[in-house]
Amino acid sequence: MTVKKLFWEDPYLVEAVAKVMSVNGDSITLDQTIAFAFSGGQQSDSGTIAGCEIVKADKVDKDIIYTIDAAHCLKIGEEVQVKIDWDKRYKLMKLHFAAELVLELVYQGYDHPEKIGANITEDKARVDFCWNGSIASVFPELESKLKKMIDEDLPIRSEFKDKNKEERFWEIEGFALVPCGGTHLRKTGEIGPLLLKRNNIGKGKERIEIYLKPV
């Protein structure tokens, strides 16, 4: 049985009840969950299952295997409370979508350079490109376009393209439709003010680092 991923149905949920489907030492699976496992560069959620800290979350095919405190006493069929660290999740959602906007704006505005890496944590997001010269040269235009999209508070649609294959996408009407299986905001305005930094990571390789500015 594939775990039901409630974080797609409602990424704003912070707690939910689930049933334990398997127990293998400190590794368990659930029938449904709100705790995202690392995928597509987005960091896993932090949280607890039945009060036990989630040490690790691994996406295996369509399932998620959680590693929790080995001292747990969970049994198959038991109902448990799953809770996530909302502050971390919300930062991840903001930085994830900021990175999505940066990537799409670069693709649309600068002759589609090759993306060679990406990562999203609660502290910052980064997107890496093959790029000649300093990518900071496009920051003024990029920052202006980002600010406009955030100020306009545009609705973000996030749905399945193929539910059986768990293929999802996000869409901003008139801007882009992009395949993505992360957790997404409802509107661009939730991102808030951003700070971009340039990092040269090698010859012909440039990194855009994205930070949330304190409000």
N, C-alpha and C. Protein backbone atom coordinates (compact mmCIF):
# COMPACT_ATOMS: atom_id res chain seq x y z
N MET A 1 0.85 -1.20 0.00
CA MET A 1 0.00 0.00 0.00
C MET A 1 0.89 1.25 0.00
N THR A 2 0.60 2.17 -0.89
CA THR A 2 1.35 3.42 -0.97
C THR A 2 0.81 4.42 0.05
N VAL A 3 1.70 5.10 0.74
CA VAL A 3 1.30 6.07 1.74
C VAL A 3 0.53 7.22 1.07
N LYS A 4 -0.55 7.63 1.70
CA LYS A 4 -1.31 8.79 1.23
C LYS A 4 -0.60 10.05 1.68
N LYS A 5 -0.27 10.90 0.73
CA LYS A 5 0.57 12.07 1.02
C LYS A 5 -0.31 13.31 1.24
N LEU A 6 -0.67 13.50 2.49
CA LEU A 6 -1.53 14.62 2.85
C LEU A 6 -0.85 15.96 2.64
N PHE A 7 0.50 15.96 2.60
CA PHE A 7 1.21 17.23 2.39
C PHE A 7 0.96 17.77 0.99
N TRP A 8 0.47 16.95 0.06
CA TRP A 8 0.06 17.45 -1.26
C TRP A 8 -1.37 17.97 -1.22
N GLU A 9 -2.24 17.27 -0.50
CA GLU A 9 -3.64 17.69 -0.42
C GLU A 9 -3.77 19.03 0.31
N ASP A 10 -3.00 19.18 1.38
CA ASP A 10 -3.02 20.43 2.14
C ASP A 10 -1.65 20.64 2.79
N PRO A 11 -0.74 21.38 2.12
CA PRO A 11 0.59 21.59 2.67
C PRO A 11 0.63 22.48 3.91
N TYR A 12 -0.53 22.98 4.34
CA TYR A 12 -0.60 23.82 5.53
C TYR A 12 -1.01 23.03 6.78
N LEU A 13 -1.25 21.73 6.63
CA LEU A 13 -1.56 20.88 7.78
C LEU A 13 -0.32 20.71 8.65
N VAL A 14 -0.49 20.82 9.97
CA VAL A 14 0.65 20.66 10.87
C VAL A 14 0.56 19.39 11.71
N GLU A 15 -0.60 18.77 11.75
CA GLU A 15 -0.72 17.50 12.46
C GLU A 15 -1.85 16.67 11.87
N ALA A 16 -1.71 15.36 12.00
CA ALA A 16 -2.71 14.44 11.46
C ALA A 16 -2.57 13.09 12.16
N VAL A 17 -3.64 12.31 12.11
CA VAL A 17 -3.63 10.96 12.67
C VAL A 17 -3.35 9.97 11.55
N ALA A 18 -2.49 9.00 11.83
CA ALA A 18 -2.14 7.98 10.84
C ALA A 18 -2.10 6.62 11.51
N LYS A 19 -2.07 5.57 10.68
CA LYS A 19 -1.97 4.20 11.18
C LYS A 19 -0.62 3.63 10.80
N VAL A 20 0.01 2.95 11.73
CA VAL A 20 1.30 2.31 11.47
C VAL A 20 1.08 1.08 10.58
N MET A 21 1.78 1.05 9.44
CA MET A 21 1.60 -0.04 8.48
C MET A 21 2.71 -1.09 8.56
N SER A 22 3.91 -0.67 8.96
CA SER A 22 5.01 -1.62 9.12
C SER A 22 5.98 -1.11 10.16
N VAL A 23 6.64 -2.05 10.83
CA VAL A 23 7.66 -1.71 11.82
C VAL A 23 8.86 -2.63 11.59
N ASN A 24 10.02 -2.03 11.39
CA ASN A 24 11.26 -2.80 11.20
C ASN A 24 12.35 -2.12 12.02
N GLY A 25 12.44 -2.48 13.28
CA GLY A 25 13.38 -1.80 14.18
C GLY A 25 12.99 -0.35 14.36
N ASP A 26 13.89 0.56 14.00
CA ASP A 26 13.59 1.98 14.15
C ASP A 26 12.98 2.58 12.88
N SER A 27 12.64 1.73 11.90
CA SER A 27 12.03 2.19 10.65
C SER A 27 10.56 1.81 10.61
N ILE A 28 9.72 2.79 10.27
CA ILE A 28 8.28 2.52 10.19
C ILE A 28 7.70 3.14 8.92
N THR A 29 6.54 2.64 8.53
CA THR A 29 5.75 3.28 7.47
C THR A 29 4.34 3.52 7.99
N LEU A 30 3.68 4.48 7.36
CA LEU A 30 2.33 4.88 7.77
C LEU A 30 1.36 4.78 6.60
N ASP A 31 0.06 4.77 6.91
CA ASP A 31 -0.93 4.73 5.82
C ASP A 31 -1.11 6.11 5.19
N GLN A 32 -0.83 7.18 5.97
CA GLN A 32 -0.89 8.54 5.44
C GLN A 32 0.03 9.43 6.26
N THR A 33 0.45 10.55 5.66
CA THR A 33 1.43 11.37 6.36
C THR A 33 1.39 12.83 5.91
N ILE A 34 1.84 13.71 6.79
CA ILE A 34 2.02 15.12 6.44
C ILE A 34 3.50 15.48 6.40
N ALA A 35 4.39 14.54 6.74
CA ALA A 35 5.82 14.81 6.83
C ALA A 35 6.52 14.50 5.51
N PHE A 36 6.95 15.54 4.83
CA PHE A 36 7.60 15.43 3.52
C PHE A 36 8.98 14.79 3.65
N ALA A 37 9.32 13.91 2.69
CA ALA A 37 10.65 13.30 2.64
C ALA A 37 11.46 13.93 1.52
N PHE A 38 12.75 14.12 1.75
CA PHE A 38 13.63 14.78 0.78
C PHE A 38 13.36 14.32 -0.63
N SER A 39 13.12 15.29 -1.52
CA SER A 39 12.83 14.98 -2.91
C SER A 39 12.96 16.26 -3.73
N GLY A 40 13.54 16.13 -4.92
CA GLY A 40 13.65 17.27 -5.81
C GLY A 40 14.46 18.42 -5.25
N GLY A 41 15.36 18.12 -4.32
CA GLY A 41 16.18 19.16 -3.71
C GLY A 41 15.59 19.78 -2.47
N GLN A 42 14.31 19.46 -2.17
CA GLN A 42 13.66 20.04 -0.98
C GLN A 42 13.93 19.18 0.24
N GLN A 43 14.43 19.81 1.29
CA GLN A 43 14.78 19.14 2.54
C GLN A 43 13.55 18.48 3.17
N SER A 44 13.79 17.39 3.90
CA SER A 44 12.71 16.71 4.62
C SER A 44 12.18 17.60 5.75
N ASP A 45 10.92 17.36 6.09
CA ASP A 45 10.34 18.02 7.26
C ASP A 45 10.95 17.46 8.53
N SER A 46 10.93 18.28 9.58
CA SER A 46 11.21 17.80 10.93
C SER A 46 9.88 17.66 11.65
N GLY A 47 9.85 16.75 12.63
CA GLY A 47 8.61 16.55 13.36
C GLY A 47 8.66 15.32 14.23
N THR A 48 7.48 14.86 14.65
CA THR A 48 7.40 13.69 15.51
C THR A 48 6.30 12.74 15.04
N ILE A 49 6.46 11.48 15.36
CA ILE A 49 5.44 10.45 15.17
C ILE A 49 5.22 9.80 16.53
N ALA A 50 4.02 9.94 17.05
CA ALA A 50 3.69 9.44 18.40
C ALA A 50 4.67 10.00 19.43
N GLY A 51 5.08 11.25 19.25
CA GLY A 51 5.99 11.91 20.17
C GLY A 51 7.45 11.57 19.96
N CYS A 52 7.74 10.64 19.04
CA CYS A 52 9.13 10.27 18.75
C CYS A 52 9.66 11.12 17.61
N GLU A 53 10.86 11.66 17.78
CA GLU A 53 11.43 12.51 16.75
C GLU A 53 11.66 11.75 15.45
N ILE A 54 11.31 12.40 14.33
CA ILE A 54 11.64 11.83 13.02
C ILE A 54 13.11 12.12 12.76
N VAL A 55 13.94 11.08 12.81
CA VAL A 55 15.38 11.23 12.61
C VAL A 55 15.70 11.37 11.13
N LYS A 56 14.96 10.62 10.31
CA LYS A 56 15.21 10.62 8.87
C LYS A 56 13.94 10.21 8.15
N ALA A 57 13.76 10.73 6.94
CA ALA A 57 12.63 10.33 6.10
C ALA A 57 13.18 10.02 4.70
N ASP A 58 12.94 8.82 4.23
CA ASP A 58 13.45 8.38 2.93
C ASP A 58 12.29 8.05 2.00
N LYS A 59 12.32 8.66 0.81
CA LYS A 59 11.33 8.34 -0.22
C LYS A 59 11.84 7.12 -0.99
N VAL A 60 11.07 6.05 -0.96
CA VAL A 60 11.42 4.81 -1.66
C VAL A 60 10.27 4.47 -2.60
N ASP A 61 10.51 4.66 -3.90
CA ASP A 61 9.43 4.56 -4.90
C ASP A 61 8.31 5.51 -4.49
N LYS A 62 7.10 4.99 -4.22
CA LYS A 62 5.99 5.85 -3.84
C LYS A 62 5.75 5.85 -2.34
N ASP A 63 6.60 5.16 -1.61
CA ASP A 63 6.42 5.07 -0.16
C ASP A 63 7.41 5.98 0.55
N ILE A 64 7.20 6.18 1.84
CA ILE A 64 8.11 6.95 2.68
C ILE A 64 8.43 6.11 3.91
N ILE A 65 9.72 5.91 4.17
CA ILE A 65 10.16 5.17 5.34
C ILE A 65 10.74 6.16 6.34
N TYR A 66 10.17 6.16 7.53
CA TYR A 66 10.61 7.06 8.58
C TYR A 66 11.51 6.32 9.57
N THR A 67 12.63 6.94 9.90
CA THR A 67 13.48 6.44 10.98
C THR A 67 13.19 7.28 12.21
N ILE A 68 12.82 6.60 13.31
CA ILE A 68 12.50 7.31 14.55
C ILE A 68 13.33 6.73 15.69
N ASP A 69 13.16 7.28 16.88
CA ASP A 69 13.89 6.82 18.05
C ASP A 69 13.71 5.31 18.21
N ALA A 70 14.83 4.59 18.30
CA ALA A 70 14.79 3.12 18.40
C ALA A 70 14.09 2.63 19.65
N ALA A 71 13.91 3.50 20.65
CA ALA A 71 13.26 3.10 21.90
C ALA A 71 11.73 3.12 21.80
N HIS A 72 11.20 3.40 20.61
CA HIS A 72 9.74 3.46 20.45
C HIS A 72 9.11 2.08 20.72
N CYS A 73 7.82 2.11 20.99
CA CYS A 73 7.08 0.85 21.23
C CYS A 73 5.90 0.71 20.26
N LEU A 74 6.05 1.26 19.07
CA LEU A 74 4.94 1.25 18.12
C LEU A 74 4.70 -0.14 17.57
N LYS A 75 3.42 -0.41 17.27
CA LYS A 75 3.03 -1.71 16.71
C LYS A 75 2.20 -1.49 15.46
N ILE A 76 2.22 -2.44 14.56
CA ILE A 76 1.43 -2.38 13.33
C ILE A 76 -0.05 -2.24 13.69
N GLY A 77 -0.73 -1.33 13.00
CA GLY A 77 -2.15 -1.10 13.24
C GLY A 77 -2.43 -0.01 14.25
N GLU A 78 -1.43 0.42 14.98
CA GLU A 78 -1.61 1.45 15.99
C GLU A 78 -1.84 2.81 15.35
N GLU A 79 -2.76 3.59 15.93
CA GLU A 79 -2.98 4.95 15.46
C GLU A 79 -2.03 5.90 16.18
N VAL A 80 -1.43 6.80 15.41
CA VAL A 80 -0.43 7.71 15.97
C VAL A 80 -0.68 9.13 15.49
N GLN A 81 -0.18 10.07 16.25
CA GLN A 81 -0.26 11.48 15.88
C GLN A 81 1.05 11.87 15.18
N VAL A 82 0.92 12.45 14.00
CA VAL A 82 2.08 12.94 13.26
C VAL A 82 2.05 14.46 13.31
N LYS A 83 3.15 15.06 13.75
CA LYS A 83 3.25 16.51 13.83
C LYS A 83 4.51 16.97 13.11
N ILE A 84 4.42 18.13 12.45
CA ILE A 84 5.61 18.68 11.80
C ILE A 84 5.96 20.04 12.41
N ASP A 85 7.23 20.40 12.23
CA ASP A 85 7.71 21.72 12.63
C ASP A 85 7.23 22.71 11.57
N TRP A 86 6.17 23.47 11.91
CA TRP A 86 5.56 24.34 10.93
C TRP A 86 6.47 25.48 10.51
N ASP A 87 7.22 26.03 11.45
CA ASP A 87 8.12 27.14 11.13
C ASP A 87 9.11 26.70 10.05
N LYS A 88 9.68 25.51 10.20
CA LYS A 88 10.61 25.00 9.19
C LYS A 88 9.90 24.75 7.87
N ARG A 89 8.72 24.08 7.93
CA ARG A 89 7.98 23.78 6.69
C ARG A 89 7.66 25.05 5.92
N TYR A 90 7.21 26.09 6.62
CA TYR A 90 6.80 27.31 5.92
C TYR A 90 8.00 28.00 5.28
N LYS A 91 9.14 27.99 5.97
CA LYS A 91 10.35 28.55 5.37
C LYS A 91 10.75 27.75 4.12
N LEU A 92 10.64 26.43 4.21
CA LEU A 92 10.95 25.58 3.06
C LEU A 92 10.02 25.89 1.89
N MET A 93 8.73 26.07 2.18
CA MET A 93 7.77 26.36 1.12
C MET A 93 8.08 27.69 0.45
N LYS A 94 8.42 28.69 1.26
CA LYS A 94 8.74 30.01 0.71
C LYS A 94 10.00 29.96 -0.15
N LEU A 95 11.05 29.34 0.39
CA LEU A 95 12.32 29.29 -0.35
C LEU A 95 12.23 28.37 -1.56
N HIS A 96 11.46 27.30 -1.43
CA HIS A 96 11.26 26.40 -2.56
C HIS A 96 10.60 27.15 -3.72
N PHE A 97 9.55 27.88 -3.42
CA PHE A 97 8.86 28.54 -4.53
C PHE A 97 9.65 29.74 -5.04
N ALA A 98 10.39 30.39 -4.16
CA ALA A 98 11.29 31.46 -4.63
C ALA A 98 12.29 30.89 -5.63
N ALA A 99 12.84 29.71 -5.32
CA ALA A 99 13.79 29.07 -6.23
C ALA A 99 13.11 28.68 -7.55
N GLU A 100 11.87 28.22 -7.47
CA GLU A 100 11.12 27.88 -8.69
C GLU A 100 10.94 29.12 -9.58
N LEU A 101 10.62 30.25 -8.96
CA LEU A 101 10.45 31.49 -9.73
C LEU A 101 11.76 31.95 -10.34
N VAL A 102 12.84 31.89 -9.55
CA VAL A 102 14.16 32.28 -10.06
C VAL A 102 14.51 31.42 -11.27
N LEU A 103 14.35 30.12 -11.13
CA LEU A 103 14.70 29.20 -12.21
C LEU A 103 13.90 29.50 -13.47
N GLU A 104 12.60 29.69 -13.31
CA GLU A 104 11.75 29.92 -14.49
C GLU A 104 12.05 31.27 -15.12
N LEU A 105 12.30 32.29 -14.31
CA LEU A 105 12.62 33.61 -14.86
C LEU A 105 13.95 33.58 -15.61
N VAL A 106 14.92 32.84 -15.09
CA VAL A 106 16.21 32.70 -15.79
C VAL A 106 16.00 31.95 -17.10
N TYR A 107 15.23 30.86 -17.06
CA TYR A 107 14.95 30.10 -18.28
C TYR A 107 14.29 30.97 -19.34
N GLN A 108 13.30 31.75 -18.91
CA GLN A 108 12.52 32.55 -19.87
C GLN A 108 13.28 33.77 -20.37
N GLY A 109 14.19 34.30 -19.56
CA GLY A 109 14.79 35.57 -19.91
C GLY A 109 16.21 35.54 -20.44
N TYR A 110 16.88 34.38 -20.29
CA TYR A 110 18.31 34.38 -20.59
C TYR A 110 18.75 33.16 -21.40
N ASP A 111 18.06 32.90 -22.48
CA ASP A 111 18.47 31.88 -23.45
C ASP A 111 18.63 30.51 -22.80
N HIS A 112 17.77 30.19 -21.87
CA HIS A 112 17.65 28.86 -21.27
C HIS A 112 18.99 28.21 -20.91
N PRO A 113 19.74 28.77 -19.98
CA PRO A 113 20.98 28.12 -19.56
C PRO A 113 20.68 26.79 -18.86
N GLU A 114 21.65 25.92 -18.80
CA GLU A 114 21.45 24.61 -18.20
C GLU A 114 21.51 24.70 -16.68
N LYS A 115 20.48 24.15 -16.02
CA LYS A 115 20.51 24.02 -14.57
C LYS A 115 21.33 22.79 -14.22
N ILE A 116 22.28 22.94 -13.29
CA ILE A 116 23.14 21.81 -12.94
C ILE A 116 23.02 21.42 -11.46
N GLY A 117 22.13 22.07 -10.74
CA GLY A 117 21.95 21.70 -9.34
C GLY A 117 20.96 22.61 -8.65
N ALA A 118 20.39 22.11 -7.55
CA ALA A 118 19.47 22.91 -6.74
C ALA A 118 19.34 22.26 -5.37
N ASN A 119 19.07 23.08 -4.36
CA ASN A 119 18.87 22.56 -3.02
C ASN A 119 18.09 23.58 -2.21
N ILE A 120 17.16 23.09 -1.39
CA ILE A 120 16.36 23.99 -0.56
C ILE A 120 16.43 23.53 0.88
N THR A 121 16.90 24.39 1.77
CA THR A 121 16.87 24.14 3.21
C THR A 121 16.05 25.25 3.85
N GLU A 122 15.90 25.19 5.17
CA GLU A 122 15.13 26.24 5.84
C GLU A 122 15.90 27.55 5.94
N ASP A 123 17.21 27.51 5.67
CA ASP A 123 18.03 28.71 5.76
C ASP A 123 18.20 29.43 4.44
N LYS A 124 18.29 28.67 3.34
CA LYS A 124 18.46 29.28 2.03
C LYS A 124 18.13 28.26 0.95
N ALA A 125 17.91 28.78 -0.25
CA ALA A 125 17.78 27.94 -1.44
C ALA A 125 18.91 28.30 -2.38
N ARG A 126 19.25 27.37 -3.26
CA ARG A 126 20.25 27.67 -4.29
C ARG A 126 19.86 27.00 -5.58
N VAL A 127 20.22 27.67 -6.68
CA VAL A 127 20.06 27.09 -8.02
C VAL A 127 21.37 27.33 -8.76
N ASP A 128 21.91 26.28 -9.36
CA ASP A 128 23.21 26.34 -10.04
C ASP A 128 23.02 26.22 -11.55
N PHE A 129 23.82 27.01 -12.27
CA PHE A 129 23.70 27.06 -13.73
C PHE A 129 25.07 26.95 -14.40
N CYS A 130 25.09 26.41 -15.62
CA CYS A 130 26.21 26.64 -16.53
C CYS A 130 26.04 28.06 -17.06
N TRP A 131 27.05 28.91 -16.85
CA TRP A 131 26.87 30.34 -17.15
C TRP A 131 28.23 30.98 -17.40
N ASN A 132 28.34 31.69 -18.49
CA ASN A 132 29.58 32.41 -18.79
C ASN A 132 29.55 33.79 -18.13
N GLY A 133 30.61 34.12 -17.38
CA GLY A 133 30.65 35.41 -16.69
C GLY A 133 29.97 35.34 -15.34
N SER A 134 29.71 36.52 -14.77
CA SER A 134 29.07 36.60 -13.46
C SER A 134 27.56 36.69 -13.61
N ILE A 135 26.85 35.77 -12.97
CA ILE A 135 25.39 35.77 -13.06
C ILE A 135 24.79 36.96 -12.31
N ALA A 136 25.61 37.60 -11.46
CA ALA A 136 25.13 38.78 -10.73
C ALA A 136 24.78 39.93 -11.66
N SER A 137 25.27 39.87 -12.91
CA SER A 137 24.98 40.94 -13.87
C SER A 137 23.49 41.03 -14.20
N VAL A 138 22.76 39.92 -14.01
CA VAL A 138 21.32 39.95 -14.31
C VAL A 138 20.47 40.16 -13.06
N PHE A 139 21.11 40.30 -11.90
CA PHE A 139 20.35 40.42 -10.65
C PHE A 139 19.39 41.61 -10.63
N PRO A 140 19.79 42.80 -11.08
CA PRO A 140 18.83 43.91 -11.02
C PRO A 140 17.52 43.60 -11.74
N GLU A 141 17.61 43.07 -12.96
CA GLU A 141 16.40 42.73 -13.71
C GLU A 141 15.65 41.57 -13.05
N LEU A 142 16.40 40.56 -12.61
CA LEU A 142 15.79 39.40 -11.98
C LEU A 142 15.07 39.78 -10.69
N GLU A 143 15.71 40.61 -9.88
CA GLU A 143 15.10 41.04 -8.61
C GLU A 143 13.86 41.88 -8.86
N SER A 144 13.88 42.69 -9.90
CA SER A 144 12.71 43.51 -10.23
C SER A 144 11.53 42.64 -10.63
N LYS A 145 11.79 41.62 -11.45
CA LYS A 145 10.72 40.73 -11.89
C LYS A 145 10.18 39.89 -10.72
N LEU A 146 11.08 39.43 -9.85
CA LEU A 146 10.65 38.67 -8.67
C LEU A 146 9.77 39.52 -7.76
N LYS A 147 10.20 40.74 -7.51
CA LYS A 147 9.43 41.63 -6.62
C LYS A 147 8.05 41.89 -7.20
N LYS A 148 7.97 42.08 -8.50
CA LYS A 148 6.68 42.34 -9.15
C LYS A 148 5.74 41.14 -8.96
N MET A 149 6.26 39.92 -9.17
CA MET A 149 5.42 38.73 -9.03
C MET A 149 4.99 38.52 -7.59
N ILE A 150 5.87 38.82 -6.65
CA ILE A 150 5.53 38.67 -5.25
C ILE A 150 4.52 39.73 -4.82
N ASP A 151 4.73 40.98 -5.25
CA ASP A 151 3.82 42.07 -4.91
C ASP A 151 2.42 41.85 -5.49
N GLU A 152 2.35 41.21 -6.65
CA GLU A 152 1.06 40.96 -7.30
C GLU A 152 0.27 39.85 -6.61
N ASP A 153 0.93 39.10 -5.71
CA ASP A 153 0.26 38.05 -4.92
C ASP A 153 -0.53 37.10 -5.82
N LEU A 154 0.16 36.53 -6.79
CA LEU A 154 -0.48 35.69 -7.81
C LEU A 154 -0.87 34.32 -7.25
N PRO A 155 -2.06 33.82 -7.63
CA PRO A 155 -2.45 32.48 -7.17
C PRO A 155 -1.58 31.40 -7.81
N ILE A 156 -1.25 30.39 -7.01
CA ILE A 156 -0.44 29.25 -7.47
C ILE A 156 -1.32 28.00 -7.44
N ARG A 157 -1.47 27.37 -8.59
CA ARG A 157 -2.24 26.13 -8.67
C ARG A 157 -1.28 24.95 -8.62
N SER A 158 -1.59 23.98 -7.78
CA SER A 158 -0.73 22.80 -7.65
C SER A 158 -1.60 21.55 -7.68
N GLU A 159 -1.37 20.69 -8.68
CA GLU A 159 -2.25 19.53 -8.88
C GLU A 159 -1.47 18.36 -9.47
N PHE A 160 -2.18 17.22 -9.59
CA PHE A 160 -1.61 16.06 -10.25
C PHE A 160 -1.73 16.19 -11.76
N LYS A 161 -0.65 15.84 -12.45
CA LYS A 161 -0.71 15.62 -13.89
C LYS A 161 -1.13 14.18 -14.14
N ASP A 162 -0.58 13.25 -13.34
CA ASP A 162 -0.93 11.84 -13.41
C ASP A 162 -0.92 11.30 -11.98
N LYS A 163 -2.10 11.05 -11.43
CA LYS A 163 -2.21 10.65 -10.02
C LYS A 163 -1.58 9.28 -9.78
N ASN A 164 -1.76 8.34 -10.69
CA ASN A 164 -1.21 7.00 -10.52
C ASN A 164 0.32 7.01 -10.47
N LYS A 165 0.92 7.87 -11.28
CA LYS A 165 2.38 7.98 -11.31
C LYS A 165 2.91 9.01 -10.31
N GLU A 166 1.99 9.65 -9.60
CA GLU A 166 2.32 10.70 -8.64
C GLU A 166 3.15 11.81 -9.29
N GLU A 167 2.76 12.18 -10.49
CA GLU A 167 3.40 13.30 -11.20
C GLU A 167 2.58 14.55 -10.97
N ARG A 168 3.22 15.58 -10.41
CA ARG A 168 2.51 16.80 -10.07
C ARG A 168 3.13 18.00 -10.76
N PHE A 169 2.42 19.13 -10.69
CA PHE A 169 2.92 20.36 -11.29
C PHE A 169 2.41 21.56 -10.51
N TRP A 170 3.07 22.70 -10.71
CA TRP A 170 2.52 23.96 -10.25
C TRP A 170 2.31 24.86 -11.47
N GLU A 171 1.36 25.79 -11.34
CA GLU A 171 1.06 26.70 -12.45
C GLU A 171 0.70 28.07 -11.93
N ILE A 172 1.27 29.08 -12.56
CA ILE A 172 0.80 30.46 -12.43
C ILE A 172 0.30 30.85 -13.81
N GLU A 173 -0.98 31.12 -13.88
CA GLU A 173 -1.61 31.38 -15.18
C GLU A 173 -0.91 32.53 -15.90
N GLY A 174 -0.57 32.29 -17.16
CA GLY A 174 0.08 33.30 -17.97
C GLY A 174 1.58 33.40 -17.77
N PHE A 175 2.12 32.61 -16.82
CA PHE A 175 3.56 32.66 -16.56
C PHE A 175 4.22 31.32 -16.88
N ALA A 176 3.78 30.25 -16.22
CA ALA A 176 4.45 28.96 -16.44
C ALA A 176 3.63 27.83 -15.84
N LEU A 177 3.83 26.64 -16.38
CA LEU A 177 3.34 25.38 -15.83
C LEU A 177 4.56 24.46 -15.74
N VAL A 178 4.90 24.05 -14.50
CA VAL A 178 6.18 23.39 -14.26
C VAL A 178 5.98 22.09 -13.48
N PRO A 179 6.54 20.96 -13.95
CA PRO A 179 6.48 19.71 -13.18
C PRO A 179 7.21 19.87 -11.85
N CYS A 180 6.57 19.46 -10.75
CA CYS A 180 7.22 19.59 -9.44
C CYS A 180 6.40 18.85 -8.38
N GLY A 181 7.08 18.07 -7.55
CA GLY A 181 6.40 17.30 -6.52
C GLY A 181 6.63 17.82 -5.11
N GLY A 182 6.99 19.10 -4.98
CA GLY A 182 7.23 19.67 -3.66
C GLY A 182 5.94 20.16 -3.00
N THR A 183 6.10 20.85 -1.88
CA THR A 183 4.97 21.49 -1.21
C THR A 183 4.95 22.96 -1.60
N HIS A 184 3.78 23.44 -2.01
CA HIS A 184 3.70 24.77 -2.60
C HIS A 184 2.79 25.71 -1.84
N LEU A 185 3.13 26.99 -1.94
CA LEU A 185 2.31 28.05 -1.36
C LEU A 185 1.01 28.21 -2.15
N ARG A 186 0.07 28.94 -1.56
CA ARG A 186 -1.17 29.26 -2.28
C ARG A 186 -0.98 30.48 -3.19
N LYS A 187 -0.15 31.45 -2.72
CA LYS A 187 0.03 32.69 -3.47
C LYS A 187 1.48 33.16 -3.37
N THR A 188 1.92 33.87 -4.40
CA THR A 188 3.30 34.33 -4.45
C THR A 188 3.61 35.34 -3.35
N GLY A 189 2.60 36.09 -2.91
CA GLY A 189 2.82 37.12 -1.90
C GLY A 189 3.31 36.57 -0.57
N GLU A 190 3.09 35.27 -0.33
CA GLU A 190 3.52 34.66 0.92
C GLU A 190 5.05 34.58 1.02
N ILE A 191 5.73 34.64 -0.12
CA ILE A 191 7.19 34.53 -0.12
C ILE A 191 7.84 35.67 0.66
N GLY A 192 7.35 36.89 0.43
CA GLY A 192 7.93 38.05 1.09
C GLY A 192 9.21 38.50 0.43
N PRO A 193 9.89 39.50 1.01
CA PRO A 193 11.10 40.05 0.39
C PRO A 193 12.25 39.04 0.38
N LEU A 194 13.04 39.10 -0.70
CA LEU A 194 14.13 38.16 -0.91
C LEU A 194 15.47 38.86 -1.07
N LEU A 195 16.52 38.12 -0.81
CA LEU A 195 17.88 38.58 -1.06
C LEU A 195 18.58 37.54 -1.93
N LEU A 196 19.17 37.99 -3.05
CA LEU A 196 19.92 37.10 -3.93
C LEU A 196 21.41 37.35 -3.76
N LYS A 197 22.18 36.27 -3.74
CA LYS A 197 23.64 36.37 -3.69
C LYS A 197 24.24 35.48 -4.77
N ARG A 198 25.36 35.94 -5.31
CA ARG A 198 26.06 35.17 -6.34
C ARG A 198 27.22 34.39 -5.73
N ASN A 199 27.42 33.18 -6.21
CA ASN A 199 28.55 32.37 -5.77
C ASN A 199 29.11 31.65 -6.99
N ASN A 200 30.39 31.90 -7.29
CA ASN A 200 31.04 31.20 -8.38
C ASN A 200 31.51 29.84 -7.86
N ILE A 201 31.03 28.75 -8.44
CA ILE A 201 31.34 27.41 -7.93
C ILE A 201 32.28 26.64 -8.85
N GLY A 202 32.85 27.33 -9.83
CA GLY A 202 33.78 26.69 -10.76
C GLY A 202 33.74 27.40 -12.10
N LYS A 203 34.68 27.07 -12.95
CA LYS A 203 34.73 27.71 -14.26
C LYS A 203 33.45 27.44 -15.05
N GLY A 204 32.77 28.54 -15.44
CA GLY A 204 31.54 28.40 -16.19
C GLY A 204 30.36 27.90 -15.39
N LYS A 205 30.49 27.97 -14.04
CA LYS A 205 29.41 27.49 -13.16
C LYS A 205 29.08 28.59 -12.15
N GLU A 206 27.83 29.00 -12.15
CA GLU A 206 27.40 30.08 -11.26
C GLU A 206 26.22 29.62 -10.41
N ARG A 207 26.22 30.09 -9.19
CA ARG A 207 25.16 29.75 -8.23
C ARG A 207 24.40 31.00 -7.81
N ILE A 208 23.08 30.90 -7.79
CA ILE A 208 22.24 31.94 -7.20
C ILE A 208 21.76 31.42 -5.86
N GLU A 209 22.15 32.11 -4.78
CA GLU A 209 21.67 31.78 -3.45
C GLU A 209 20.52 32.70 -3.10
N ILE A 210 19.48 32.14 -2.50
CA ILE A 210 18.25 32.88 -2.22
C ILE A 210 17.97 32.84 -0.72
N TYR A 211 17.76 34.01 -0.13
CA TYR A 211 17.50 34.12 1.29
C TYR A 211 16.20 34.89 1.52
N LEU A 212 15.51 34.55 2.60
CA LEU A 212 14.34 35.32 3.03
C LEU A 212 14.82 36.49 3.86
N LYS A 213 14.38 37.69 3.49
CA LYS A 213 14.72 38.86 4.31
C LYS A 213 13.80 38.92 5.53
N PRO A 214 14.33 39.28 6.69
CA PRO A 214 13.47 39.45 7.87
C PRO A 214 12.41 40.51 7.59
N VAL A 215 11.20 40.24 8.00
CA VAL A 215 10.10 41.19 7.78
C VAL A 215 9.89 42.01 9.03
